[in-house]
Amino acid sequence: MTTREVLRIAPRFRGPAKSGNGGYVAGQVGTALAAVAADGTVPRVRLMAPPPMEVDLDLLVSSDSASLAGIEAPVAEAISVAADTLDQATVDPVGPDEARAAEAQYKGLVNHPFPGCFVCGPENTEGLRLRPGPLGDGRTACTWHPSTDLAADDGLVDPVFLWAALDCPGGWAIDLEGRPSVLGQMSACIDARPPAGEACVVMGRILGEDGRKTLTASTLYDSDGRVLARAQHTWILVDPALFI
């Protein structure tokens, strides 16, 4: 059985100026699939085109796949994969104090390729406001206190926003000034959801490069150092001017 839902991406949830944030859009598709997928699997979402904003998109979900498409072209597709594909996704943590210190080195404050990004853009006052700064060993770190408007009816942060929070800390493990990239693929597993206001730490790490692709991982921790969620990403080298 396949279900259909109409999704519209509001400008708040942008990445580049004219398209949706990759982690947020992947989260919409991935969480829809995770809700019906078999145990022991996680969603892997591939972004196929810049997600258009403020237009009706069809979100189709079956037991083992999901897709998001507009009138003109497909936007994203997801499949279920074995959970052990995220074996490299747990990034060793640092404490909140060290994460806050890393934020002072966040390169996106000075030269951000997409300053309106919902997750980490300094110009998006309605965004998550993450500042993933480098630790000097291939990892990034930042703190996050999810606001109350990100919570679902149960008071816990909506899984879609956990996917979003796992996006850019991985991306900033790349030298985005010298290697500007956008999210091409993301797999994520939500182990537990924090309540709004929880003092969280988000970690990112670079895993390797393969031509125009860069592989990264990210992990979300709660205030007690417990893993809440994990992700792995594939980033694609781009010309930022094409997304303006």
Protein backbone atom coordinates (compact mmCIF):
# COMPACT_ATOMS: atom_id res chain seq x y z
CA MET A 1 0.00 0.00 0.00
CA THR A 2 1.27 3.47 -0.93
CA THR A 3 0.20 6.63 0.86
CA ARG A 4 0.29 10.14 -0.59
CA GLU A 5 0.78 13.45 1.20
CA VAL A 6 1.27 16.96 -0.15
CA LEU A 7 4.33 18.75 1.24
CA ARG A 8 5.24 22.43 0.87
CA ILE A 9 8.64 23.72 1.96
CA ALA A 10 8.39 27.13 3.62
CA PRO A 11 11.19 29.70 3.11
CA ARG A 12 12.16 29.31 6.77
CA PHE A 13 13.50 25.85 5.90
CA ARG A 14 15.81 26.96 3.09
CA GLY A 15 19.38 25.92 2.54
CA PRO A 16 20.55 27.93 -0.46
CA ALA A 17 18.45 31.03 -1.07
CA LYS A 18 16.01 29.39 -3.49
CA SER A 19 15.81 25.77 -2.33
CA GLY A 20 15.05 23.74 0.77
CA ASN A 21 17.67 22.70 3.30
CA GLY A 22 18.97 19.22 2.46
CA GLY A 23 18.80 17.81 5.98
CA TYR A 24 15.28 19.13 6.57
CA VAL A 25 14.00 17.73 3.25
CA ALA A 26 15.80 14.42 3.77
CA GLY A 27 14.20 14.34 7.21
CA GLN A 28 10.72 14.76 5.78
CA VAL A 29 11.21 11.82 3.43
CA GLY A 30 13.29 9.71 5.80
CA THR A 31 11.00 9.98 8.82
CA ALA A 32 7.97 9.16 6.67
CA LEU A 33 9.69 5.95 5.55
CA ALA A 34 11.01 5.12 9.03
CA ALA A 35 7.46 5.18 10.40
CA VAL A 36 6.48 2.17 8.24
CA ALA A 37 9.79 0.41 7.53
CA ALA A 38 10.88 -2.94 8.92
CA ASP A 39 12.80 -3.20 12.19
CA GLY A 40 16.57 -3.27 11.82
CA THR A 41 16.57 -0.83 8.89
CA VAL A 42 17.22 2.88 8.52
CA PRO A 43 16.24 5.28 5.72
CA ARG A 44 18.77 6.33 3.11
CA VAL A 45 17.63 9.45 1.28
CA ARG A 46 19.12 10.61 -2.02
CA LEU A 47 18.50 14.21 -3.06
CA MET A 48 18.05 14.35 -6.83
CA ALA A 49 17.45 18.07 -7.42
CA PRO A 50 17.43 21.32 -5.41
CA PRO A 51 14.16 21.06 -3.40
CA PRO A 52 11.81 23.81 -4.60
CA MET A 53 10.08 25.94 -1.99
CA GLU A 54 6.45 27.09 -1.76
CA VAL A 55 5.12 24.62 -4.33
CA ASP A 56 3.11 21.44 -3.82
CA LEU A 57 5.29 18.33 -3.73
CA ASP A 58 3.97 14.76 -3.65
CA LEU A 59 5.37 12.61 -0.84
CA LEU A 60 4.68 8.94 -1.66
CA VAL A 61 5.48 6.30 0.95
CA SER A 62 5.35 2.50 0.82
CA SER A 63 6.72 -0.11 3.21
CA ASP A 64 10.25 -0.06 1.76
CA SER A 65 10.63 3.20 -0.16
CA ALA A 66 9.53 6.84 -0.34
CA SER A 67 9.78 9.61 -2.89
CA LEU A 68 9.25 13.34 -3.12
CA ALA A 69 8.47 14.91 -6.47
CA GLY A 70 7.13 18.07 -8.03
CA ILE A 71 5.31 18.51 -11.34
CA GLU A 72 8.51 18.83 -13.35
CA ALA A 73 11.01 16.47 -11.70
CA PRO A 74 11.74 14.11 -8.80
CA VAL A 75 13.28 15.79 -5.77
CA ALA A 76 14.29 12.94 -3.45
CA GLU A 77 13.98 9.22 -3.03
CA ALA A 78 14.53 6.97 -0.02
CA ILE A 79 15.04 3.27 0.51
CA SER A 80 15.42 1.15 3.63
CA VAL A 81 18.94 -0.17 4.29
CA ALA A 82 20.45 -2.28 7.04
CA ALA A 83 21.08 -0.36 10.26
CA ASP A 84 24.72 -1.48 10.34
CA THR A 85 25.40 0.86 7.42
CA LEU A 86 25.69 3.53 10.13
CA ASP A 87 28.54 1.75 11.89
CA GLN A 88 30.86 4.72 11.30
CA ALA A 89 28.27 7.34 12.25
CA THR A 90 29.04 7.64 15.97
CA VAL A 91 31.46 10.54 16.37
CA ASP A 92 33.34 10.65 19.67
CA PRO A 93 31.90 13.48 21.78
CA VAL A 94 33.28 16.44 23.64
CA GLY A 95 31.67 18.16 26.60
CA PRO A 96 29.45 21.26 26.33
CA ASP A 97 32.27 23.63 27.33
CA GLU A 98 34.57 22.36 24.58
CA ALA A 99 31.70 22.45 22.08
CA ARG A 100 30.99 26.09 22.96
CA ALA A 101 34.66 26.93 22.56
CA ALA A 102 34.62 25.34 19.09
CA GLU A 103 31.67 27.54 18.11
CA ALA A 104 33.94 30.60 18.33
CA GLN A 105 35.92 29.13 15.40
CA TYR A 106 32.83 28.54 13.23
CA LYS A 107 33.88 29.60 9.73
CA GLY A 108 30.32 30.18 8.54
CA LEU A 109 30.05 33.38 10.54
CA VAL A 110 32.47 35.09 8.15
CA ASN A 111 32.17 33.37 4.78
CA HIS A 112 29.07 31.17 4.56
CA PRO A 113 28.20 29.92 1.04
CA PHE A 114 24.49 29.85 2.01
CA PRO A 115 24.02 32.37 4.87
CA GLY A 116 20.26 31.85 5.05
CA CYS A 117 20.57 28.11 5.78
CA PHE A 118 17.92 26.87 8.23
CA VAL A 119 20.43 24.82 10.19
CA CYS A 120 23.59 26.93 10.36
CA GLY A 121 23.02 30.18 8.47
CA PRO A 122 23.87 33.31 10.47
CA GLU A 123 21.20 35.30 8.61
CA ASN A 124 18.29 32.92 9.31
CA THR A 125 16.79 34.20 12.57
CA GLU A 126 14.17 31.41 12.52
CA GLY A 127 16.71 28.65 12.05
CA LEU A 128 18.45 26.22 14.39
CA ARG A 129 21.42 28.61 14.69
CA LEU A 130 24.03 25.86 14.91
CA ARG A 131 27.67 26.95 14.85
CA PRO A 132 29.73 23.80 14.18
CA GLY A 133 33.34 24.81 14.70
CA PRO A 134 36.46 22.75 13.97
CA LEU A 135 38.29 20.84 16.69
CA GLY A 136 41.42 20.45 14.58
CA ASP A 137 41.23 16.67 14.20
CA GLY A 138 38.63 16.30 11.46
CA ARG A 139 35.73 16.77 13.87
CA THR A 140 33.34 19.66 14.45
CA ALA A 141 31.33 20.42 17.58
CA CYS A 142 28.55 22.75 18.63
CA THR A 143 25.80 23.05 21.22
CA TRP A 144 22.06 23.06 20.53
CA HIS A 145 19.08 23.95 22.69
CA PRO A 146 16.02 23.02 20.57
CA SER A 147 13.32 25.68 20.77
CA THR A 148 9.76 24.85 21.79
CA ASP A 149 8.40 25.36 18.27
CA LEU A 150 10.41 22.32 17.13
CA ALA A 151 8.54 19.98 19.46
CA ALA A 152 5.80 17.56 18.44
CA ASP A 153 2.61 17.11 20.47
CA ASP A 154 4.43 14.91 23.00
CA GLY A 155 6.87 17.70 23.88
CA LEU A 156 9.83 15.94 22.27
CA VAL A 157 11.64 17.38 19.26
CA ASP A 158 10.09 16.31 15.96
CA PRO A 159 12.35 13.76 14.23
CA VAL A 160 12.45 15.92 11.08
CA PHE A 161 14.40 18.56 13.00
CA LEU A 162 16.79 15.95 14.37
CA TRP A 163 17.65 15.04 10.78
CA ALA A 164 18.20 18.74 10.09
CA ALA A 165 20.46 19.17 13.13
CA LEU A 166 22.56 16.21 11.95
CA ASP A 167 23.09 17.80 8.53
CA CYS A 168 25.44 20.79 8.67
CA PRO A 169 27.78 19.66 11.51
CA GLY A 170 28.87 16.97 9.06
CA GLY A 171 29.11 19.46 6.22
CA TRP A 172 31.37 21.85 8.14
CA ALA A 173 33.85 19.03 8.72
CA ILE A 174 34.66 19.79 5.05
CA ASP A 175 36.58 22.90 4.04
CA LEU A 176 33.47 24.51 2.57
CA GLU A 177 35.38 27.62 1.54
CA GLY A 178 37.79 25.66 -0.63
CA ARG A 179 35.40 22.79 -1.39
CA PRO A 180 31.81 24.19 -1.43
CA SER A 181 29.39 21.27 -1.29
CA VAL A 182 25.72 20.44 -0.95
CA LEU A 183 24.08 17.39 0.57
CA GLY A 184 23.58 14.57 -1.93
CA GLN A 185 22.65 11.65 0.31
CA MET A 186 21.88 11.11 3.99
CA SER A 187 21.13 8.08 6.15
CA ALA A 188 20.02 8.59 9.74
CA CYS A 189 18.85 6.70 12.80
CA ILE A 190 16.93 8.32 15.66
CA ASP A 191 17.64 6.40 18.87
CA ALA A 192 15.84 8.82 21.20
CA ARG A 193 14.31 12.29 20.99
CA PRO A 194 15.20 15.12 23.37
CA PRO A 195 12.62 17.41 24.94
CA ALA A 196 12.54 21.02 23.79
CA GLY A 197 15.14 23.01 25.66
CA GLU A 198 17.47 20.06 26.27
CA ALA A 199 21.15 21.05 26.25
CA CYS A 200 22.53 18.96 23.38
CA VAL A 201 25.90 18.62 21.68
CA VAL A 202 26.21 17.88 17.96
CA MET A 203 29.40 16.38 16.55
CA GLY A 204 30.57 16.05 12.95
CA ARG A 205 33.47 14.20 11.33
CA ILE A 206 34.94 13.81 7.87
CA LEU A 207 35.25 10.19 6.73
CA GLY A 208 36.92 10.59 3.33
CA GLU A 209 36.83 12.01 -0.19
CA ASP A 210 36.07 10.35 -3.51
CA GLY A 211 36.35 12.70 -6.49
CA ARG A 212 33.60 15.30 -6.23
CA LYS A 213 32.10 13.46 -3.24
CA THR A 214 32.95 13.88 0.44
CA LEU A 215 31.74 11.43 3.10
CA THR A 216 30.96 12.64 6.62
CA ALA A 217 29.21 11.53 9.81
CA SER A 218 27.42 13.30 12.67
CA THR A 219 26.07 12.41 16.09
CA LEU A 220 23.62 14.15 18.43
CA TYR A 221 24.18 13.77 22.20
CA ASP A 222 21.95 14.75 25.12
CA SER A 223 23.09 16.59 28.26
CA ASP A 224 24.15 13.29 29.88
CA GLY A 225 26.33 12.30 26.92
CA ARG A 226 23.86 9.72 25.62
CA VAL A 227 23.62 9.18 21.85
CA LEU A 228 20.28 10.44 20.55
CA ALA A 229 20.75 10.20 16.78
CA ARG A 230 23.39 9.41 14.16
CA ALA A 231 23.85 10.09 10.46
CA GLN A 232 26.17 9.59 7.51
CA HIS A 233 26.25 11.88 4.49
CA THR A 234 27.53 12.18 0.98
CA TRP A 235 28.29 15.74 -0.11
CA ILE A 236 28.70 16.87 -3.72
CA LEU A 237 31.18 19.56 -4.78
CA VAL A 238 29.29 22.41 -6.51
CA ASP A 239 29.61 25.95 -7.77
CA PRO A 240 27.65 27.98 -5.15
CA ALA A 241 26.74 30.54 -7.83
CA LEU A 242 24.41 27.96 -9.39
CA PHE A 243 22.26 28.01 -6.22
CA ILE A 244 21.89 31.76 -5.80
